[in-house]
Amino acid sequence: MIKVVRTLAVAAIVCVSLVSCREESKETKTVEGIEVTEEAQVEVSEDGEKVEIQDGNTDIKVKKDENGNIEKKKIDGENRDVKIKMEDGNVEKKKVDIDN
């Protein structure tokens, strides 16, 4: 009887730990290679060369060249600013500022 109760207790603990550790799925979408939430506000210029995304406290700006390739990305977050310059799809320069 004690073995049955002990086995059931261990099984219950394992079940609770597996359920509590699972990752909750968030509704996201990918815009210009950047994953943002579904509620993010996306603005595209008339010529399609500039894209501005506001996702909560994060502002993202993407600039494209005339061929539609990404030329610059700028991500302004709460404690982090990232600037990326690209050429022919490769990162040419990357600058990350972290505020403490």
PDB file of N, CA and C in Angstrom:
ATOM      1  N   MET A   1       0.825  -1.192   0.000  1.00  0.00           N
ATOM      2  CA  MET A   1       0.000   0.000   0.000  1.00  0.00           C
ATOM      3  C   MET A   1       0.871   1.259   0.000  1.00  0.00           C
ATOM      4  N   ILE A   2       1.943   1.245   0.778  1.00  0.00           N
ATOM      5  CA  ILE A   2       2.828   2.406   0.857  1.00  0.00           C
ATOM      6  C   ILE A   2       3.507   2.626  -0.491  1.00  0.00           C
ATOM      7  N   LYS A   3       3.882   1.546  -1.189  1.00  0.00           N
ATOM      8  CA  LYS A   3       4.523   1.674  -2.498  1.00  0.00           C
ATOM      9  C   LYS A   3       3.575   2.314  -3.522  1.00  0.00           C
ATOM     10  N   VAL A   4       2.307   1.935  -3.461  1.00  0.00           N
ATOM     11  CA  VAL A   4       1.326   2.494  -4.395  1.00  0.00           C
ATOM     12  C   VAL A   4       1.154   3.995  -4.140  1.00  0.00           C
ATOM     13  N   VAL A   5       1.029   4.396  -2.897  1.00  0.00           N
ATOM     14  CA  VAL A   5       0.864   5.806  -2.538  1.00  0.00           C
ATOM     15  C   VAL A   5       2.119   6.587  -2.924  1.00  0.00           C
ATOM     16  N   ARG A   6       3.276   6.034  -2.664  1.00  0.00           N
ATOM     17  CA  ARG A   6       4.544   6.695  -2.998  1.00  0.00           C
ATOM     18  C   ARG A   6       4.672   6.850  -4.522  1.00  0.00           C
ATOM     19  N   THR A   7       4.309   5.830  -5.288  1.00  0.00           N
ATOM     20  CA  THR A   7       4.372   5.896  -6.743  1.00  0.00           C
ATOM     21  C   THR A   7       3.404   6.947  -7.294  1.00  0.00           C
ATOM     22  N   LEU A   8       2.199   6.980  -6.758  1.00  0.00           N
ATOM     23  CA  LEU A   8       1.225   7.975  -7.188  1.00  0.00           C
ATOM     24  C   LEU A   8       1.691   9.395  -6.837  1.00  0.00           C
ATOM     25  N   ALA A   9       2.305   9.569  -5.697  1.00  0.00           N
ATOM     26  CA  ALA A   9       2.804  10.887  -5.285  1.00  0.00           C
ATOM     27  C   ALA A   9       3.923  11.352  -6.227  1.00  0.00           C
ATOM     28  N   VAL A  10       4.841  10.460  -6.557  1.00  0.00           N
ATOM     29  CA  VAL A  10       5.927  10.807  -7.476  1.00  0.00           C
ATOM     30  C   VAL A  10       5.358  11.133  -8.859  1.00  0.00           C
ATOM     31  N   ALA A  11       4.393  10.362  -9.327  1.00  0.00           N
ATOM     32  CA  ALA A  11       3.779  10.617 -10.625  1.00  0.00           C
ATOM     33  C   ALA A  11       3.069  11.969 -10.636  1.00  0.00           C
ATOM     34  N   ALA A  12       2.391  12.307  -9.563  1.00  0.00           N
ATOM     35  CA  ALA A  12       1.707  13.601  -9.468  1.00  0.00           C
ATOM     36  C   ALA A  12       2.708  14.750  -9.482  1.00  0.00           C
ATOM     37  N   ILE A  13       3.816  14.607  -8.786  1.00  0.00           N
ATOM     38  CA  ILE A  13       4.851  15.659  -8.757  1.00  0.00           C
ATOM     39  C   ILE A  13       5.458  15.845 -10.141  1.00  0.00           C
ATOM     40  N   VAL A  14       5.724  14.750 -10.836  1.00  0.00           N
ATOM     41  CA  VAL A  14       6.290  14.836 -12.187  1.00  0.00           C
ATOM     42  C   VAL A  14       5.294  15.519 -13.124  1.00  0.00           C
ATOM     43  N   CYS A  15       4.031  15.174 -13.055  1.00  0.00           N
ATOM     44  CA  CYS A  15       3.010  15.782 -13.906  1.00  0.00           C
ATOM     45  C   CYS A  15       2.897  17.283 -13.662  1.00  0.00           C
ATOM     46  N   VAL A  16       2.879  17.685 -12.412  1.00  0.00           N
ATOM     47  CA  VAL A  16       2.775  19.106 -12.072  1.00  0.00           C
ATOM     48  C   VAL A  16       4.004  19.867 -12.551  1.00  0.00           C
ATOM     49  N   SER A  17       5.187  19.295 -12.388  1.00  0.00           N
ATOM     50  CA  SER A  17       6.401  19.998 -12.820  1.00  0.00           C
ATOM     51  C   SER A  17       6.458  20.130 -14.336  1.00  0.00           C
ATOM     52  N   LEU A  18       6.003  19.128 -15.080  1.00  0.00           N
ATOM     53  CA  LEU A  18       6.004  19.215 -16.537  1.00  0.00           C
ATOM     54  C   LEU A  18       4.992  20.236 -17.040  1.00  0.00           C
ATOM     55  N   VAL A  19       3.846  20.313 -16.422  1.00  0.00           N
ATOM     56  CA  VAL A  19       2.823  21.265 -16.845  1.00  0.00           C
ATOM     57  C   VAL A  19       3.246  22.690 -16.514  1.00  0.00           C
ATOM     58  N   SER A  20       3.850  22.906 -15.372  1.00  0.00           N
ATOM     59  CA  SER A  20       4.225  24.263 -14.974  1.00  0.00           C
ATOM     60  C   SER A  20       5.440  24.779 -15.736  1.00  0.00           C
ATOM     61  N   CYS A  21       6.257  23.911 -16.295  1.00  0.00           N
ATOM     62  CA  CYS A  21       7.460  24.333 -17.009  1.00  0.00           C
ATOM     63  C   CYS A  21       7.249  24.531 -18.501  1.00  0.00           C
ATOM     64  N   ARG A  22       6.095  24.192 -19.014  1.00  0.00           N
ATOM     65  CA  ARG A  22       5.907  24.323 -20.456  1.00  0.00           C
ATOM     66  C   ARG A  22       5.821  25.794 -20.846  1.00  0.00           C
ATOM     67  N   GLU A  23       6.226  26.033 -22.052  1.00  0.00           N
ATOM     68  CA  GLU A  23       6.276  27.393 -22.563  1.00  0.00           C
ATOM     69  C   GLU A  23       4.918  27.770 -23.131  1.00  0.00           C
ATOM     70  N   GLU A  24       4.437  28.950 -22.786  1.00  0.00           N
ATOM     71  CA  GLU A  24       3.170  29.408 -23.314  1.00  0.00           C
ATOM     72  C   GLU A  24       3.405  30.021 -24.681  1.00  0.00           C
ATOM     73  N   SER A  25       2.566  29.680 -25.615  1.00  0.00           N
ATOM     74  CA  SER A  25       2.748  30.202 -26.968  1.00  0.00           C
ATOM     75  C   SER A  25       2.204  31.624 -27.045  1.00  0.00           C
ATOM     76  N   LYS A  26       2.974  32.490 -27.672  1.00  0.00           N
ATOM     77  CA  LYS A  26       2.555  33.868 -27.879  1.00  0.00           C
ATOM     78  C   LYS A  26       2.280  34.033 -29.357  1.00  0.00           C
ATOM     79  N   GLU A  27       1.291  34.816 -29.668  1.00  0.00           N
ATOM     80  CA  GLU A  27       0.967  35.083 -31.060  1.00  0.00           C
ATOM     81  C   GLU A  27       1.972  36.090 -31.606  1.00  0.00           C
ATOM     82  N   THR A  28       2.810  35.652 -32.527  1.00  0.00           N
ATOM     83  CA  THR A  28       3.825  36.523 -33.114  1.00  0.00           C
ATOM     84  C   THR A  28       3.757  36.453 -34.636  1.00  0.00           C
ATOM     85  N   LYS A  29       4.392  37.429 -35.249  1.00  0.00           N
ATOM     86  CA  LYS A  29       4.528  37.439 -36.702  1.00  0.00           C
ATOM     87  C   LYS A  29       5.916  37.961 -37.028  1.00  0.00           C
ATOM     88  N   THR A  30       6.368  37.707 -38.227  1.00  0.00           N
ATOM     89  CA  THR A  30       7.685  38.153 -38.651  1.00  0.00           C
ATOM     90  C   THR A  30       7.512  39.248 -39.698  1.00  0.00           C
ATOM     91  N   VAL A  31       8.125  40.401 -39.402  1.00  0.00           N
ATOM     92  CA  VAL A  31       8.087  41.536 -40.320  1.00  0.00           C
ATOM     93  C   VAL A  31       9.522  41.910 -40.636  1.00  0.00           C
ATOM     94  N   GLU A  32       9.900  41.829 -41.903  1.00  0.00           N
ATOM     95  CA  GLU A  32      11.255  42.174 -42.347  1.00  0.00           C
ATOM     96  C   GLU A  32      12.327  41.423 -41.560  1.00  0.00           C
ATOM     97  N   GLY A  33      12.068  40.158 -41.235  1.00  0.00           N
ATOM     98  CA  GLY A  33      13.039  39.333 -40.537  1.00  0.00           C
ATOM     99  C   GLY A  33      13.092  39.562 -39.040  1.00  0.00           C
ATOM    100  N   ILE A  34      12.148  40.329 -38.497  1.00  0.00           N
ATOM    101  CA  ILE A  34      12.108  40.634 -37.068  1.00  0.00           C
ATOM    102  C   ILE A  34      10.810  40.085 -36.505  1.00  0.00           C
ATOM    103  N   GLU A  35      10.905  39.296 -35.441  1.00  0.00           N
ATOM    104  CA  GLU A  35       9.718  38.709 -34.841  1.00  0.00           C
ATOM    105  C   GLU A  35       9.099  39.708 -33.867  1.00  0.00           C
ATOM    106  N   VAL A  36       7.812  40.031 -34.088  1.00  0.00           N
ATOM    107  CA  VAL A  36       7.076  40.965 -33.241  1.00  0.00           C
ATOM    108  C   VAL A  36       5.735  40.345 -32.869  1.00  0.00           C
ATOM    109  N   THR A  37       5.056  40.920 -31.896  1.00  0.00           N
ATOM    110  CA  THR A  37       3.751  40.409 -31.485  1.00  0.00           C
ATOM    111  C   THR A  37       2.701  40.772 -32.524  1.00  0.00           C
ATOM    112  N   GLU A  38       1.573  40.108 -32.451  1.00  0.00           N
ATOM    113  CA  GLU A  38       0.479  40.361 -33.398  1.00  0.00           C
ATOM    114  C   GLU A  38      -0.072  41.787 -33.241  1.00  0.00           C
ATOM    115  N   GLU A  39       0.047  42.376 -32.049  1.00  0.00           N
ATOM    116  CA  GLU A  39      -0.497  43.708 -31.798  1.00  0.00           C
ATOM    117  C   GLU A  39       0.433  44.828 -32.249  1.00  0.00           C
ATOM    118  N   ALA A  40       1.582  44.503 -32.786  1.00  0.00           N
ATOM    119  CA  ALA A  40       2.553  45.521 -33.197  1.00  0.00           C
ATOM    120  C   ALA A  40       1.981  46.380 -34.321  1.00  0.00           C
ATOM    121  N   GLN A  41       2.281  47.680 -34.247  1.00  0.00           N
ATOM    122  CA  GLN A  41       1.827  48.607 -35.278  1.00  0.00           C
ATOM    123  C   GLN A  41       2.911  48.713 -36.348  1.00  0.00           C
ATOM    124  N   VAL A  42       2.558  48.467 -37.589  1.00  0.00           N
ATOM    125  CA  VAL A  42       3.508  48.477 -38.694  1.00  0.00           C
ATOM    126  C   VAL A  42       3.095  49.573 -39.675  1.00  0.00           C
ATOM    127  N   GLU A  43       4.040  50.463 -39.985  1.00  0.00           N
ATOM    128  CA  GLU A  43       3.804  51.517 -40.972  1.00  0.00           C
ATOM    129  C   GLU A  43       4.844  51.384 -42.075  1.00  0.00           C
ATOM    130  N   VAL A  44       4.383  51.415 -43.318  1.00  0.00           N
ATOM    131  CA  VAL A  44       5.263  51.296 -44.480  1.00  0.00           C
ATOM    132  C   VAL A  44       5.107  52.564 -45.305  1.00  0.00           C
ATOM    133  N   SER A  45       6.232  53.145 -45.743  1.00  0.00           N
ATOM    134  CA  SER A  45       6.167  54.347 -46.569  1.00  0.00           C
ATOM    135  C   SER A  45       5.557  54.017 -47.924  1.00  0.00           C
ATOM    136  N   GLU A  46       5.158  55.043 -48.656  1.00  0.00           N
ATOM    137  CA  GLU A  46       4.497  54.830 -49.944  1.00  0.00           C
ATOM    138  C   GLU A  46       5.383  54.099 -50.945  1.00  0.00           C
ATOM    139  N   ASP A  47       6.683  54.400 -50.927  1.00  0.00           N
ATOM    140  CA  ASP A  47       7.586  53.733 -51.867  1.00  0.00           C
ATOM    141  C   ASP A  47       8.054  52.374 -51.353  1.00  0.00           C
ATOM    142  N   GLY A  48       7.720  52.044 -50.110  1.00  0.00           N
ATOM    143  CA  GLY A  48       8.079  50.743 -49.543  1.00  0.00           C
ATOM    144  C   GLY A  48       9.511  50.638 -49.063  1.00  0.00           C
ATOM    145  N   GLU A  49      10.251  51.749 -49.081  1.00  0.00           N
ATOM    146  CA  GLU A  49      11.655  51.701 -48.680  1.00  0.00           C
ATOM    147  C   GLU A  49      11.858  51.859 -47.185  1.00  0.00           C
ATOM    148  N   LYS A  50      10.875  52.393 -46.462  1.00  0.00           N
ATOM    149  CA  LYS A  50      11.005  52.566 -45.018  1.00  0.00           C
ATOM    150  C   LYS A  50       9.855  51.859 -44.318  1.00  0.00           C
ATOM    151  N   VAL A  51      10.206  51.083 -43.287  1.00  0.00           N
ATOM    152  CA  VAL A  51       9.222  50.368 -42.480  1.00  0.00           C
ATOM    153  C   VAL A  51       9.454  50.751 -41.026  1.00  0.00           C
ATOM    154  N   GLU A  52       8.390  51.189 -40.340  1.00  0.00           N
ATOM    155  CA  GLU A  52       8.468  51.508 -38.916  1.00  0.00           C
ATOM    156  C   GLU A  52       7.530  50.583 -38.171  1.00  0.00           C
ATOM    157  N   ILE A  53       8.069  49.960 -37.119  1.00  0.00           N
ATOM    158  CA  ILE A  53       7.306  49.007 -36.318  1.00  0.00           C
ATOM    159  C   ILE A  53       7.367  49.462 -34.871  1.00  0.00           C
ATOM    160  N   GLN A  54       6.214  49.543 -34.216  1.00  0.00           N
ATOM    161  CA  GLN A  54       6.173  49.849 -32.793  1.00  0.00           C
ATOM    162  C   GLN A  54       5.529  48.663 -32.090  1.00  0.00           C
ATOM    163  N   ASP A  55       6.322  48.033 -31.224  1.00  0.00           N
ATOM    164  CA  ASP A  55       5.890  46.830 -30.517  1.00  0.00           C
ATOM    165  C   ASP A  55       6.112  47.055 -29.030  1.00  0.00           C
ATOM    166  N   GLY A  56       5.073  47.522 -28.334  1.00  0.00           N
ATOM    167  CA  GLY A  56       5.214  47.814 -26.912  1.00  0.00           C
ATOM    168  C   GLY A  56       6.168  48.970 -26.708  1.00  0.00           C
ATOM    169  N   ASN A  57       7.257  48.747 -25.973  1.00  0.00           N
ATOM    170  CA  ASN A  57       8.250  49.780 -25.707  1.00  0.00           C
ATOM    171  C   ASN A  57       9.414  49.740 -26.697  1.00  0.00           C
ATOM    172  N   THR A  58       9.284  48.994 -27.767  1.00  0.00           N
ATOM    173  CA  THR A  58      10.350  48.848 -28.742  1.00  0.00           C
ATOM    174  C   THR A  58       9.953  49.502 -30.066  1.00  0.00           C
ATOM    175  N   ASP A  59      10.834  50.363 -30.572  1.00  0.00           N
ATOM    176  CA  ASP A  59      10.647  50.983 -31.884  1.00  0.00           C
ATOM    177  C   ASP A  59      11.673  50.402 -32.844  1.00  0.00           C
ATOM    178  N   ILE A  60      11.220  49.955 -34.003  1.00  0.00           N
ATOM    179  CA  ILE A  60      12.095  49.338 -34.985  1.00  0.00           C
ATOM    180  C   ILE A  60      11.930  50.091 -36.302  1.00  0.00           C
ATOM    181  N   LYS A  61      13.053  50.463 -36.907  1.00  0.00           N
ATOM    182  CA  LYS A  61      13.026  51.138 -38.202  1.00  0.00           C
ATOM    183  C   LYS A  61      13.890  50.339 -39.172  1.00  0.00           C
ATOM    184  N   VAL A  62      13.343  50.069 -40.354  1.00  0.00           N
ATOM    185  CA  VAL A  62      14.049  49.318 -41.379  1.00  0.00           C
ATOM    186  C   VAL A  62      14.062  50.171 -42.647  1.00  0.00           C
ATOM    187  N   LYS A  63      15.250  50.307 -43.238  1.00  0.00           N
ATOM    188  CA  LYS A  63      15.383  51.055 -44.484  1.00  0.00           C
ATOM    189  C   LYS A  63      15.889  50.101 -45.555  1.00  0.00           C
ATOM    190  N   LYS A  64      15.231  50.145 -46.740  1.00  0.00           N
ATOM    191  CA  LYS A  64      15.605  49.272 -47.845  1.00  0.00           C
ATOM    192  C   LYS A  64      16.207  50.105 -48.972  1.00  0.00           C
ATOM    193  N   ASP A  65      17.016  49.455 -49.801  1.00  0.00           N
ATOM    194  CA  ASP A  65      17.534  50.143 -50.983  1.00  0.00           C
ATOM    195  C   ASP A  65      16.522  50.001 -52.118  1.00  0.00           C
ATOM    196  N   GLU A  66      16.850  50.527 -53.285  1.00  0.00           N
ATOM    197  CA  GLU A  66      15.911  50.511 -54.411  1.00  0.00           C
ATOM    198  C   GLU A  66      15.625  49.112 -54.935  1.00  0.00           C
ATOM    199  N   ASN A  67      16.457  48.130 -54.621  1.00  0.00           N
ATOM    200  CA  ASN A  67      16.240  46.743 -55.044  1.00  0.00           C
ATOM    201  C   ASN A  67      15.392  45.947 -54.060  1.00  0.00           C
ATOM    202  N   GLY A  68      15.042  46.549 -52.920  1.00  0.00           N
ATOM    203  CA  GLY A  68      14.247  45.863 -51.907  1.00  0.00           C
ATOM    204  C   GLY A  68      15.077  45.133 -50.873  1.00  0.00           C
ATOM    205  N   ASN A  69      16.408  45.252 -50.937  1.00  0.00           N
ATOM    206  CA  ASN A  69      17.279  44.630 -49.940  1.00  0.00           C
ATOM    207  C   ASN A  69      17.354  45.522 -48.708  1.00  0.00           C
ATOM    208  N   ILE A  70      17.450  44.923 -47.543  1.00  0.00           N
ATOM    209  CA  ILE A  70      17.541  45.693 -46.299  1.00  0.00           C
ATOM    210  C   ILE A  70      18.904  46.360 -46.234  1.00  0.00           C
ATOM    211  N   GLU A  71      18.877  47.670 -46.024  1.00  0.00           N
ATOM    212  CA  GLU A  71      20.097  48.454 -45.962  1.00  0.00           C
ATOM    213  C   GLU A  71      20.484  48.778 -44.517  1.00  0.00           C
ATOM    214  N   LYS A  72      19.479  49.161 -43.694  1.00  0.00           N
ATOM    215  CA  LYS A  72      19.739  49.509 -42.293  1.00  0.00           C
ATOM    216  C   LYS A  72      18.584  49.022 -41.430  1.00  0.00           C
ATOM    217  N   LYS A  73      18.929  48.623 -40.195  1.00  0.00           N
ATOM    218  CA  LYS A  73      17.937  48.300 -39.175  1.00  0.00           C
ATOM    219  C   LYS A  73      18.316  49.065 -37.919  1.00  0.00           C
ATOM    220  N   LYS A  74      17.331  49.652 -37.257  1.00  0.00           N
ATOM    221  CA  LYS A  74      17.566  50.352 -36.000  1.00  0.00           C
ATOM    222  C   LYS A  74      16.495  49.900 -35.032  1.00  0.00           C
ATOM    223  N   ILE A  75      16.930  49.352 -33.890  1.00  0.00           N
ATOM    224  CA  ILE A  75      16.012  48.843 -32.878  1.00  0.00           C
ATOM    225  C   ILE A  75      16.259  49.616 -31.591  1.00  0.00           C
ATOM    226  N   ASP A  76      15.255  50.383 -31.146  1.00  0.00           N
ATOM    227  CA  ASP A  76      15.332  51.141 -29.905  1.00  0.00           C
ATOM    228  C   ASP A  76      14.418  50.482 -28.884  1.00  0.00           C
ATOM    229  N   GLY A  77      15.032  49.860 -27.866  1.00  0.00           N
ATOM    230  CA  GLY A  77      14.271  49.210 -26.812  1.00  0.00           C
ATOM    231  C   GLY A  77      14.416  49.958 -25.504  1.00  0.00           C
ATOM    232  N   GLU A  78      13.889  49.380 -24.433  1.00  0.00           N
ATOM    233  CA  GLU A  78      13.963  50.026 -23.122  1.00  0.00           C
ATOM    234  C   GLU A  78      15.403  50.208 -22.662  1.00  0.00           C
ATOM    235  N   ASN A  79      16.188  49.165 -22.710  1.00  0.00           N
ATOM    236  CA  ASN A  79      17.554  49.223 -22.189  1.00  0.00           C
ATOM    237  C   ASN A  79      18.593  48.902 -23.260  1.00  0.00           C
ATOM    238  N   ARG A  80      18.189  48.918 -24.537  1.00  0.00           N
ATOM    239  CA  ARG A  80      19.108  48.484 -25.568  1.00  0.00           C
ATOM    240  C   ARG A  80      18.798  49.173 -26.895  1.00  0.00           C
ATOM    241  N   ASP A  81      19.831  49.650 -27.545  1.00  0.00           N
ATOM    242  CA  ASP A  81      19.717  50.224 -28.882  1.00  0.00           C
ATOM    243  C   ASP A  81      20.638  49.447 -29.812  1.00  0.00           C
ATOM    244  N   VAL A  82      20.125  49.015 -30.941  1.00  0.00           N
ATOM    245  CA  VAL A  82      20.908  48.240 -31.904  1.00  0.00           C
ATOM    246  C   VAL A  82      20.816  48.930 -33.259  1.00  0.00           C
ATOM    247  N   LYS A  83      21.972  49.136 -33.901  1.00  0.00           N
ATOM    248  CA  LYS A  83      22.018  49.691 -35.246  1.00  0.00           C
ATOM    249  C   LYS A  83      22.803  48.721 -36.119  1.00  0.00           C
ATOM    250  N   ILE A  84      22.208  48.322 -37.235  1.00  0.00           N
ATOM    251  CA  ILE A  84      22.832  47.355 -38.131  1.00  0.00           C
ATOM    252  C   ILE A  84      22.846  47.933 -39.540  1.00  0.00           C
ATOM    253  N   LYS A  85      24.010  47.931 -40.163  1.00  0.00           N
ATOM    254  CA  LYS A  85      24.137  48.358 -41.550  1.00  0.00           C
ATOM    255  C   LYS A  85      24.475  47.127 -42.373  1.00  0.00           C
ATOM    256  N   MET A  86      23.718  46.912 -43.452  1.00  0.00           N
ATOM    257  CA  MET A  86      23.891  45.717 -44.268  1.00  0.00           C
ATOM    258  C   MET A  86      24.226  46.107 -45.703  1.00  0.00           C
ATOM    259  N   GLU A  87      24.945  45.220 -46.373  1.00  0.00           N
ATOM    260  CA  GLU A  87      25.227  45.400 -47.784  1.00  0.00           C
ATOM    261  C   GLU A  87      25.164  44.033 -48.458  1.00  0.00           C
ATOM    262  N   ASP A  88      24.356  43.904 -49.472  1.00  0.00           N
ATOM    263  CA  ASP A  88      24.149  42.655 -50.203  1.00  0.00           C
ATOM    264  C   ASP A  88      23.716  41.506 -49.298  1.00  0.00           C
ATOM    265  N   GLY A  89      22.881  41.810 -48.294  1.00  0.00           N
ATOM    266  CA  GLY A  89      22.369  40.792 -47.393  1.00  0.00           C
ATOM    267  C   GLY A  89      23.315  40.380 -46.284  1.00  0.00           C
ATOM    268  N   ASN A  90      24.509  40.965 -46.236  1.00  0.00           N
ATOM    269  CA  ASN A  90      25.479  40.643 -45.189  1.00  0.00           C
ATOM    270  C   ASN A  90      25.635  41.826 -44.240  1.00  0.00           C
ATOM    271  N   VAL A  91      25.836  41.537 -42.957  1.00  0.00           N
ATOM    272  CA  VAL A  91      26.022  42.585 -41.968  1.00  0.00           C
ATOM    273  C   VAL A  91      27.400  43.204 -42.156  1.00  0.00           C
ATOM    274  N   GLU A  92      27.409  44.518 -42.399  1.00  0.00           N
ATOM    275  CA  GLU A  92      28.664  45.225 -42.598  1.00  0.00           C
ATOM    276  C   GLU A  92      29.129  45.896 -41.306  1.00  0.00           C
ATOM    277  N   LYS A  93      28.181  46.442 -40.549  1.00  0.00           N
ATOM    278  CA  LYS A  93      28.514  47.118 -39.299  1.00  0.00           C
ATOM    279  C   LYS A  93      27.369  46.918 -38.323  1.00  0.00           C
ATOM    280  N   LYS A  94      27.713  46.629 -37.054  1.00  0.00           N
ATOM    281  CA  LYS A  94      26.692  46.415 -36.034  1.00  0.00           C
ATOM    282  C   LYS A  94      27.118  47.147 -34.769  1.00  0.00           C
ATOM    283  N   LYS A  95      26.210  47.942 -34.216  1.00  0.00           N
ATOM    284  CA  LYS A  95      26.494  48.695 -33.001  1.00  0.00           C
ATOM    285  C   LYS A  95      25.389  48.426 -32.002  1.00  0.00           C
ATOM    286  N   VAL A  96      25.765  48.019 -30.787  1.00  0.00           N
ATOM    287  CA  VAL A  96      24.813  47.716 -29.733  1.00  0.00           C
ATOM    288  C   VAL A  96      25.147  48.586 -28.526  1.00  0.00           C
ATOM    289  N   ASP A  97      24.172  49.383 -28.084  1.00  0.00           N
ATOM    290  CA  ASP A  97      24.311  50.195 -26.866  1.00  0.00           C
ATOM    291  C   ASP A  97      23.378  49.644 -25.812  1.00  0.00           C
ATOM    292  N   ILE A  98      23.935  49.323 -24.635  1.00  0.00           N
ATOM    293  CA  ILE A  98      23.129  48.778 -23.540  1.00  0.00           C
ATOM    294  C   ILE A  98      23.183  49.755 -22.387  1.00  0.00           C
ATOM    295  N   ASP A  99      22.001  50.198 -21.936  1.00  0.00           N
ATOM    296  CA  ASP A  99      21.911  51.096 -20.795  1.00  0.00           C
ATOM    297  C   ASP A  99      21.764  50.277 -19.522  1.00  0.00           C
ATOM    298  N   ASN A 100      22.475  50.643 -18.498  1.00  0.00           N
ATOM    299  CA  ASN A 100      22.358  49.943 -17.217  1.00  0.00           C
ATOM    300  C   ASN A 100      21.465  50.679 -16.281  1.00  0.00           C
TER     301      ASN A 100
END
